[in-house]
Amino acid sequence: MAQRELHDIIDTISLTTHLKNMPFGVLLWNENMSLVYCSEEAAEMFEYTTEELLEKPTNLLQFVHDDDAPGVNALITDITS
C-alpha cells in the first residue's frame, strides 16, 4: 500500500471518529449540495432517522432559521462559485 493511500485512510478514519464523537449535530453536504453525512445527534434534533435524512432529497435551507437564510444562501453561493 502506498504511503499516501495509507495517510488518506488514516485521515478518513480520524475524521469519522471525530464526527461520531461530537456532542452536537453534524450535517455534511457534497459539492452537489446532496446530504452525505448525518450524525445521530442531528437526526434526533430534526426528529428523523439518519437513514431518512440521507435517503430523501434535502434542501440545506430547510435546516436554517428564516432569519439566517439570506446569509447562508450568500455563503453557499460564495463557496460554490
N, C-alpha and C. Protein backbone atom coordinates (compact mmCIF):
# COMPACT_ATOMS: atom_id res chain seq x y z
N MET A 1 0.85 -1.18 0.00
CA MET A 1 0.00 0.00 0.00
C MET A 1 0.90 1.24 0.00
N ALA A 2 0.60 2.18 -0.85
CA ALA A 2 1.39 3.40 -0.95
C ALA A 2 1.22 4.26 0.30
N GLN A 3 2.26 4.99 0.63
CA GLN A 3 2.26 5.84 1.82
C GLN A 3 1.11 6.84 1.79
N ARG A 4 0.87 7.47 0.64
CA ARG A 4 -0.21 8.47 0.53
C ARG A 4 -1.57 7.82 0.75
N GLU A 5 -1.77 6.63 0.20
CA GLU A 5 -3.03 5.92 0.38
C GLU A 5 -3.26 5.60 1.86
N LEU A 6 -2.21 5.20 2.55
CA LEU A 6 -2.30 4.90 3.98
C LEU A 6 -2.68 6.16 4.75
N HIS A 7 -2.06 7.28 4.43
CA HIS A 7 -2.39 8.55 5.10
C HIS A 7 -3.85 8.94 4.84
N ASP A 8 -4.33 8.74 3.62
CA ASP A 8 -5.73 9.05 3.30
C ASP A 8 -6.68 8.20 4.13
N ILE A 9 -6.36 6.92 4.29
CA ILE A 9 -7.20 6.03 5.09
C ILE A 9 -7.20 6.47 6.55
N ILE A 10 -6.04 6.80 7.08
CA ILE A 10 -5.95 7.26 8.47
C ILE A 10 -6.73 8.56 8.65
N ASP A 11 -6.60 9.49 7.70
CA ASP A 11 -7.34 10.75 7.78
C ASP A 11 -8.85 10.50 7.78
N THR A 12 -9.30 9.59 6.94
CA THR A 12 -10.73 9.27 6.86
C THR A 12 -11.22 8.66 8.17
N ILE A 13 -10.46 7.74 8.72
CA ILE A 13 -10.84 7.11 9.99
C ILE A 13 -10.87 8.16 11.10
N SER A 14 -9.88 9.02 11.12
CA SER A 14 -9.80 10.07 12.14
C SER A 14 -10.99 11.02 12.04
N LEU A 15 -11.32 11.46 10.82
CA LEU A 15 -12.45 12.36 10.63
C LEU A 15 -13.75 11.68 11.06
N THR A 16 -13.93 10.43 10.66
CA THR A 16 -15.14 9.69 11.02
C THR A 16 -15.26 9.57 12.53
N THR A 17 -14.16 9.26 13.19
CA THR A 17 -14.17 9.14 14.65
C THR A 17 -14.56 10.46 15.30
N HIS A 18 -14.00 11.55 14.82
CA HIS A 18 -14.34 12.87 15.37
C HIS A 18 -15.81 13.21 15.14
N LEU A 19 -16.30 12.96 13.93
CA LEU A 19 -17.69 13.28 13.63
C LEU A 19 -18.64 12.48 14.50
N LYS A 20 -18.34 11.21 14.70
CA LYS A 20 -19.23 10.36 15.50
C LYS A 20 -19.19 10.70 16.98
N ASN A 21 -18.14 11.34 17.45
CA ASN A 21 -17.99 11.64 18.87
C ASN A 21 -18.27 13.09 19.23
N MET A 22 -18.70 13.89 18.26
CA MET A 22 -19.05 15.28 18.57
C MET A 22 -20.36 15.31 19.35
N PRO A 23 -20.45 16.19 20.34
CA PRO A 23 -21.65 16.24 21.16
C PRO A 23 -22.80 17.04 20.54
N PHE A 24 -22.65 17.46 19.30
CA PHE A 24 -23.70 18.24 18.65
C PHE A 24 -23.98 17.65 17.27
N GLY A 25 -25.06 18.10 16.66
CA GLY A 25 -25.47 17.56 15.37
C GLY A 25 -24.58 18.04 14.23
N VAL A 26 -24.26 17.13 13.32
CA VAL A 26 -23.42 17.46 12.17
C VAL A 26 -24.11 16.97 10.91
N LEU A 27 -24.25 17.87 9.94
CA LEU A 27 -24.75 17.53 8.61
C LEU A 27 -23.68 17.96 7.61
N LEU A 28 -23.37 17.09 6.66
CA LEU A 28 -22.38 17.44 5.64
C LEU A 28 -22.98 17.25 4.25
N TRP A 29 -22.76 18.25 3.39
CA TRP A 29 -23.23 18.19 2.01
C TRP A 29 -22.02 18.09 1.09
N ASN A 30 -22.20 17.44 -0.06
CA ASN A 30 -21.12 17.39 -1.04
C ASN A 30 -21.21 18.60 -1.97
N GLU A 31 -20.35 18.61 -2.98
CA GLU A 31 -20.31 19.76 -3.90
C GLU A 31 -21.59 19.91 -4.72
N ASN A 32 -22.41 18.86 -4.78
CA ASN A 32 -23.70 18.94 -5.49
C ASN A 32 -24.85 19.28 -4.55
N MET A 33 -24.49 19.66 -3.33
CA MET A 33 -25.45 20.02 -2.29
C MET A 33 -26.35 18.84 -1.92
N SER A 34 -25.82 17.63 -2.03
CA SER A 34 -26.51 16.43 -1.58
C SER A 34 -26.00 16.09 -0.18
N LEU A 35 -26.90 15.78 0.72
CA LEU A 35 -26.52 15.41 2.07
C LEU A 35 -25.78 14.08 2.04
N VAL A 36 -24.56 14.05 2.57
CA VAL A 36 -23.75 12.84 2.53
C VAL A 36 -23.41 12.29 3.91
N TYR A 37 -23.65 13.06 4.95
CA TYR A 37 -23.40 12.59 6.31
C TYR A 37 -24.39 13.25 7.25
N CYS A 38 -24.91 12.46 8.17
CA CYS A 38 -25.82 12.97 9.19
C CYS A 38 -25.50 12.24 10.49
N SER A 39 -25.14 13.00 11.51
CA SER A 39 -24.85 12.37 12.80
C SER A 39 -26.17 11.99 13.48
N GLU A 40 -26.06 11.06 14.41
CA GLU A 40 -27.24 10.65 15.19
C GLU A 40 -27.86 11.85 15.91
N GLU A 41 -27.01 12.73 16.42
CA GLU A 41 -27.50 13.91 17.15
C GLU A 41 -28.30 14.84 16.24
N ALA A 42 -27.83 15.01 15.01
CA ALA A 42 -28.56 15.85 14.05
C ALA A 42 -29.90 15.23 13.72
N ALA A 43 -29.92 13.94 13.48
CA ALA A 43 -31.18 13.25 13.16
C ALA A 43 -32.17 13.41 14.31
N GLU A 44 -31.67 13.28 15.54
CA GLU A 44 -32.54 13.45 16.71
C GLU A 44 -33.10 14.87 16.78
N MET A 45 -32.25 15.86 16.53
CA MET A 45 -32.69 17.26 16.58
C MET A 45 -33.82 17.53 15.60
N PHE A 46 -33.72 16.93 14.41
CA PHE A 46 -34.71 17.19 13.38
C PHE A 46 -35.83 16.15 13.36
N GLU A 47 -35.78 15.24 14.34
CA GLU A 47 -36.80 14.21 14.52
C GLU A 47 -36.96 13.30 13.30
N TYR A 48 -35.81 12.89 12.77
CA TYR A 48 -35.72 11.93 11.67
C TYR A 48 -34.73 10.85 12.09
N THR A 49 -34.67 9.79 11.32
CA THR A 49 -33.55 8.86 11.47
C THR A 49 -32.46 9.32 10.50
N THR A 50 -31.24 8.86 10.72
CA THR A 50 -30.17 9.24 9.78
C THR A 50 -30.49 8.70 8.39
N GLU A 51 -31.08 7.50 8.33
CA GLU A 51 -31.42 6.91 7.04
C GLU A 51 -32.44 7.77 6.30
N GLU A 52 -33.46 8.25 7.03
CA GLU A 52 -34.47 9.10 6.39
C GLU A 52 -33.84 10.35 5.81
N LEU A 53 -32.95 10.98 6.56
CA LEU A 53 -32.32 12.21 6.08
C LEU A 53 -31.41 11.95 4.89
N LEU A 54 -30.69 10.84 4.91
CA LEU A 54 -29.76 10.55 3.82
C LEU A 54 -30.46 10.06 2.56
N GLU A 55 -31.62 9.43 2.71
CA GLU A 55 -32.33 8.87 1.56
C GLU A 55 -33.23 9.86 0.84
N LYS A 56 -33.75 10.84 1.57
CA LYS A 56 -34.68 11.76 0.92
C LYS A 56 -33.96 13.01 0.44
N PRO A 57 -34.44 13.62 -0.61
CA PRO A 57 -33.83 14.87 -1.06
C PRO A 57 -33.99 15.93 0.03
N THR A 58 -32.92 16.59 0.36
CA THR A 58 -32.98 17.62 1.39
C THR A 58 -32.41 18.91 0.85
N ASN A 59 -33.00 19.98 1.27
CA ASN A 59 -32.54 21.31 0.92
C ASN A 59 -31.88 21.87 2.17
N LEU A 60 -30.66 22.30 2.05
CA LEU A 60 -29.93 22.85 3.19
C LEU A 60 -30.76 23.89 3.94
N LEU A 61 -31.46 24.73 3.21
CA LEU A 61 -32.18 25.82 3.85
C LEU A 61 -33.36 25.35 4.70
N GLN A 62 -33.79 24.10 4.54
CA GLN A 62 -34.86 23.62 5.41
C GLN A 62 -34.37 23.47 6.84
N PHE A 63 -33.05 23.46 7.06
CA PHE A 63 -32.47 23.33 8.38
C PHE A 63 -31.98 24.66 8.94
N VAL A 64 -32.24 25.74 8.21
CA VAL A 64 -31.76 27.07 8.60
C VAL A 64 -32.95 27.94 9.01
N HIS A 65 -32.78 28.67 10.11
CA HIS A 65 -33.83 29.58 10.56
C HIS A 65 -34.06 30.65 9.49
N ASP A 66 -35.31 31.04 9.31
CA ASP A 66 -35.68 32.01 8.26
C ASP A 66 -34.83 33.29 8.32
N ASP A 67 -34.53 33.76 9.52
CA ASP A 67 -33.75 34.99 9.66
C ASP A 67 -32.32 34.82 9.16
N ASP A 68 -31.82 33.59 9.19
CA ASP A 68 -30.44 33.32 8.77
C ASP A 68 -30.32 32.92 7.30
N ALA A 69 -31.43 32.63 6.64
CA ALA A 69 -31.42 32.09 5.27
C ALA A 69 -30.67 32.98 4.28
N PRO A 70 -30.88 34.31 4.27
CA PRO A 70 -30.15 35.13 3.28
C PRO A 70 -28.62 35.02 3.45
N GLY A 71 -28.14 35.03 4.67
CA GLY A 71 -26.70 34.92 4.91
C GLY A 71 -26.15 33.56 4.51
N VAL A 72 -26.90 32.51 4.82
CA VAL A 72 -26.47 31.16 4.46
C VAL A 72 -26.48 31.01 2.94
N ASN A 73 -27.51 31.53 2.29
CA ASN A 73 -27.58 31.48 0.83
C ASN A 73 -26.37 32.19 0.21
N ALA A 74 -26.02 33.35 0.74
CA ALA A 74 -24.88 34.10 0.21
C ALA A 74 -23.59 33.31 0.43
N LEU A 75 -23.45 32.69 1.57
CA LEU A 75 -22.26 31.88 1.85
C LEU A 75 -22.16 30.70 0.91
N ILE A 76 -23.27 30.00 0.67
CA ILE A 76 -23.28 28.87 -0.26
C ILE A 76 -22.90 29.33 -1.66
N THR A 77 -23.45 30.45 -2.09
CA THR A 77 -23.12 31.00 -3.41
C THR A 77 -21.63 31.32 -3.50
N ASP A 78 -21.10 31.91 -2.45
CA ASP A 78 -19.68 32.27 -2.44
C ASP A 78 -18.79 31.01 -2.47
N ILE A 79 -19.14 30.01 -1.70
CA ILE A 79 -18.34 28.77 -1.63
C ILE A 79 -18.40 28.00 -2.94
N THR A 80 -19.55 27.97 -3.57
CA THR A 80 -19.72 27.12 -4.77
C THR A 80 -19.41 27.83 -6.07
N SER A 81 -19.05 29.10 -6.02
CA SER A 81 -18.77 29.80 -7.28
C SER A 81 -17.28 29.96 -7.50
